[in-house]
Amino acid sequence: MKTPEFYPRLLRPRVLEALSDSPVVLIHGPRQCGKTTLARLIGDEAGFAYFTFDDDVQRAAAQADPVGYVADLPERAVLDEVQRVPELFTSLKAAVDARRTPGRFLLTGSANVLLVPRLADSLAGRMEILRLHPLAQAELARTTPEFLTRLFGADFQPGKVGRREGQALADRVASGGYPVALARATPRRQAAWYRDYADTLI
């Protein structure tokens, strides 16, 4: 398997904008869509410390003493997979209420994080929520998305799609937008990843 490639994400400017005026920013979306990669990239550039609750030690510390855990966090922190420690949310609220500085916490969580009642209650009005989807075609091509602008432009002309272009489109659709799947060398191996992904979640 080749190393997963980093693709520029269209959500990145919105995350930076949210961090400029929101104390807490949550990037949420399906598993393996690139939330951690994006959060780490932004966090590394802005001087955030990184903590993941996939780490048993970090998770146990946060669960045992959420107030102390949040109090010991650095000025700016990325908290990855935050849905694994719902006990933390009221402590984050208290920290934000004590000092409402923009860009204090950058959280990531899988799509079900918004179903955690404590999150909805605790951080309402204190957090901006941004959804990250799997890679878009413009991200894969490393281009600016122009489809809608061109579609509604006065000079739009529909073209004919030949067999070769049609096959290329079908291949792109079948490859999907998950970075880990795209790192696999063949369509057969990509299909195996998607099958296992669906089987694991359903």
Protein backbone atom coordinates (compact mmCIF):
# COMPACT_ATOMS: atom_id res chain seq x y z
CA MET A 1 0.00 0.00 0.00
CA LYS A 2 1.30 3.44 -0.88
CA THR A 3 1.41 6.14 1.79
CA PRO A 4 -1.85 8.11 1.91
CA GLU A 5 -1.35 11.38 0.10
CA PHE A 6 -2.27 14.72 1.68
CA TYR A 7 -4.83 16.62 -0.35
CA PRO A 8 -5.64 20.29 0.32
CA ARG A 9 -9.03 20.41 2.02
CA LEU A 10 -11.67 22.96 1.06
CA LEU A 11 -12.79 23.13 4.70
CA ARG A 12 -9.43 24.43 5.94
CA PRO A 13 -10.12 28.19 5.42
CA ARG A 14 -13.45 27.81 7.25
CA VAL A 15 -11.72 26.12 10.20
CA LEU A 16 -9.18 28.96 10.39
CA GLU A 17 -11.96 31.53 10.18
CA ALA A 18 -13.91 29.78 12.95
CA LEU A 19 -10.83 29.64 15.19
CA SER A 20 -10.47 33.41 14.85
CA ASP A 21 -13.71 34.11 16.75
CA SER A 22 -15.00 30.86 18.35
CA PRO A 23 -13.56 29.41 21.58
CA VAL A 24 -14.26 25.84 20.44
CA VAL A 25 -14.32 24.47 16.90
CA LEU A 26 -15.48 20.93 16.17
CA ILE A 27 -14.57 19.15 12.95
CA HIS A 28 -16.91 16.22 12.65
CA GLY A 29 -17.63 13.68 9.95
CA PRO A 30 -17.42 9.99 9.12
CA ARG A 31 -14.51 7.89 10.28
CA GLN A 32 -11.42 7.93 8.08
CA CYS A 33 -12.43 11.03 6.10
CA GLY A 34 -9.34 13.02 7.19
CA LYS A 35 -10.46 14.89 10.35
CA THR A 36 -7.33 14.11 12.35
CA THR A 37 -5.00 14.92 9.46
CA LEU A 38 -6.65 18.31 8.92
CA ALA A 39 -6.76 19.15 12.64
CA ARG A 40 -3.11 18.19 13.13
CA LEU A 41 -1.99 20.23 10.14
CA ILE A 42 -3.85 23.33 11.33
CA GLY A 43 -2.83 22.71 14.94
CA ASP A 44 0.86 22.21 14.15
CA GLU A 45 0.97 25.45 12.17
CA ALA A 46 -0.84 27.42 14.90
CA GLY A 47 1.06 25.95 17.88
CA PHE A 48 -1.69 23.74 19.29
CA ALA A 49 -0.77 20.80 21.52
CA TYR A 50 -2.27 17.52 20.31
CA PHE A 51 -4.09 14.92 22.44
CA THR A 52 -5.95 11.88 21.16
CA PHE A 53 -8.53 9.91 23.08
CA ASP A 54 -7.66 6.84 21.05
CA ASP A 55 -4.76 6.72 23.53
CA ASP A 56 -5.89 4.65 26.54
CA VAL A 57 -3.83 6.70 29.00
CA GLN A 58 -5.22 10.05 27.80
CA ARG A 59 -8.77 8.71 27.77
CA ALA A 60 -8.48 7.23 31.28
CA ALA A 61 -7.01 10.48 32.66
CA ALA A 62 -9.81 12.55 31.14
CA GLN A 63 -12.51 10.18 32.40
CA ALA A 64 -11.07 9.97 35.93
CA ASP A 65 -10.72 13.73 36.47
CA PRO A 66 -12.24 15.80 33.65
CA VAL A 67 -11.95 19.08 35.56
CA GLY A 68 -8.26 18.55 36.34
CA TYR A 69 -7.57 17.27 32.83
CA VAL A 70 -8.98 20.41 31.18
CA ALA A 71 -7.28 22.67 33.73
CA ASP A 72 -3.91 21.11 32.83
CA LEU A 73 -4.35 21.58 29.07
CA PRO A 74 -2.10 24.11 27.34
CA GLU A 75 -3.47 27.44 26.10
CA ARG A 76 -4.48 25.91 22.75
CA ALA A 77 -5.19 22.22 22.25
CA VAL A 78 -6.42 19.77 19.63
CA LEU A 79 -8.60 17.10 21.26
CA ASP A 80 -8.99 14.21 18.83
CA GLU A 81 -11.88 11.71 18.95
CA VAL A 82 -13.58 13.72 21.67
CA GLN A 83 -16.79 11.66 21.48
CA ARG A 84 -14.92 8.95 23.37
CA VAL A 85 -14.87 11.11 26.52
CA PRO A 86 -18.28 12.78 26.94
CA GLU A 87 -17.36 13.50 30.58
CA LEU A 88 -15.07 16.26 29.27
CA PHE A 89 -17.76 18.49 27.78
CA THR A 90 -18.96 20.23 30.96
CA SER A 91 -15.35 20.88 31.96
CA LEU A 92 -14.66 22.42 28.54
CA LYS A 93 -17.73 24.62 29.03
CA ALA A 94 -16.45 25.80 32.41
CA ALA A 95 -13.00 26.56 30.97
CA VAL A 96 -14.50 28.53 28.09
CA ASP A 97 -16.85 30.44 30.40
CA ALA A 98 -13.94 31.36 32.66
CA ARG A 99 -11.86 32.64 29.73
CA ARG A 100 -13.65 33.07 26.41
CA THR A 101 -10.59 33.32 24.17
CA PRO A 102 -11.13 32.53 20.47
CA GLY A 103 -9.43 29.41 19.13
CA ARG A 104 -8.76 27.65 22.45
CA PHE A 105 -9.91 24.15 21.53
CA LEU A 106 -10.02 22.37 18.19
CA LEU A 107 -12.02 19.15 18.55
CA THR A 108 -12.54 16.25 16.19
CA GLY A 109 -15.22 13.63 16.42
CA SER A 110 -16.94 11.05 14.30
CA ALA A 111 -20.39 11.85 12.94
CA ASN A 112 -22.18 10.51 16.02
CA VAL A 113 -20.53 13.08 18.32
CA LEU A 114 -23.56 15.39 17.93
CA LEU A 115 -25.79 12.68 19.37
CA VAL A 116 -24.00 12.92 22.73
CA PRO A 117 -26.46 14.91 24.90
CA ARG A 118 -23.77 16.44 27.09
CA LEU A 119 -22.11 18.02 24.07
CA ALA A 120 -25.30 19.65 22.82
CA ASP A 121 -26.12 21.00 26.29
CA SER A 122 -22.65 22.03 27.38
CA LEU A 123 -21.13 23.75 24.38
CA ALA A 124 -24.16 25.35 22.72
CA GLY A 125 -23.26 28.93 21.78
CA ARG A 126 -19.59 28.33 22.53
CA MET A 127 -18.67 26.07 19.63
CA GLU A 128 -18.71 26.23 15.84
CA ILE A 129 -19.41 22.90 14.15
CA LEU A 130 -17.90 22.16 10.76
CA ARG A 131 -18.58 18.98 8.81
CA LEU A 132 -15.77 17.32 6.87
CA HIS A 133 -16.78 15.02 4.03
CA PRO A 134 -14.59 12.55 2.16
CA LEU A 135 -12.46 14.09 -0.57
CA ALA A 136 -14.26 16.07 -3.27
CA GLN A 137 -13.19 15.78 -6.88
CA ALA A 138 -11.76 19.31 -6.76
CA GLU A 139 -9.62 18.33 -3.75
CA LEU A 140 -8.40 15.21 -5.55
CA ALA A 141 -7.52 17.29 -8.60
CA ARG A 142 -6.00 20.04 -6.41
CA THR A 143 -8.08 22.68 -8.17
CA THR A 144 -10.59 25.34 -7.18
CA PRO A 145 -14.16 24.06 -7.48
CA GLU A 146 -15.72 25.73 -10.51
CA PHE A 147 -18.55 23.39 -11.52
CA LEU A 148 -21.49 25.47 -10.26
CA THR A 149 -19.96 28.73 -11.49
CA ARG A 150 -19.49 27.24 -14.94
CA LEU A 151 -22.88 25.52 -14.93
CA PHE A 152 -24.75 28.75 -14.20
CA GLY A 153 -22.46 30.92 -16.32
CA ALA A 154 -23.79 32.52 -19.47
CA ASP A 155 -21.22 30.74 -21.65
CA PHE A 156 -21.91 27.16 -20.42
CA GLN A 157 -22.02 24.66 -23.26
CA PRO A 158 -22.84 21.02 -22.58
CA GLY A 159 -20.35 18.71 -24.22
CA LYS A 160 -20.47 15.13 -25.33
CA VAL A 161 -18.84 12.48 -23.21
CA GLY A 162 -16.96 9.81 -25.09
CA ARG A 163 -16.41 6.24 -23.98
CA ARG A 164 -12.97 7.01 -22.55
CA GLU A 165 -14.25 9.97 -20.50
CA GLY A 166 -17.23 7.90 -19.35
CA GLN A 167 -14.93 5.14 -18.11
CA ALA A 168 -12.72 7.67 -16.31
CA LEU A 169 -15.81 9.10 -14.60
CA ALA A 170 -16.99 5.63 -13.56
CA ASP A 171 -13.52 4.86 -12.16
CA ARG A 172 -13.54 8.10 -10.12
CA VAL A 173 -16.99 7.36 -8.71
CA ALA A 174 -15.98 3.81 -7.79
CA SER A 175 -12.75 5.03 -6.13
CA GLY A 176 -14.70 7.32 -3.81
CA GLY A 177 -13.13 9.98 -1.63
CA TYR A 178 -11.67 8.27 1.42
CA PRO A 179 -7.90 8.91 1.58
CA VAL A 180 -7.02 5.45 2.93
CA ALA A 181 -8.98 3.70 0.16
CA LEU A 182 -7.35 5.91 -2.49
CA ALA A 183 -3.92 4.87 -1.19
CA ARG A 184 -4.63 1.29 -2.29
CA ALA A 185 -2.97 0.30 -5.55
CA THR A 186 -5.84 -1.31 -7.46
CA PRO A 187 -9.61 -0.87 -7.81
CA ARG A 188 -10.05 -4.37 -6.40
CA ARG A 189 -8.16 -3.45 -3.22
CA GLN A 190 -10.11 -0.18 -2.94
CA ALA A 191 -13.39 -2.10 -3.21
CA ALA A 192 -12.18 -4.46 -0.45
CA TRP A 193 -11.53 -1.46 1.84
CA TYR A 194 -15.03 -0.06 1.25
CA ARG A 195 -16.60 -3.46 1.84
CA ASP A 196 -14.74 -3.87 5.15
CA TYR A 197 -15.57 -0.27 6.16
CA ALA A 198 -19.28 -0.83 5.60
CA ASP A 199 -19.25 -4.24 7.30
CA THR A 200 -17.54 -2.79 10.36
CA LEU A 201 -19.98 0.09 10.77
CA ILE A 202 -23.26 -1.62 9.92
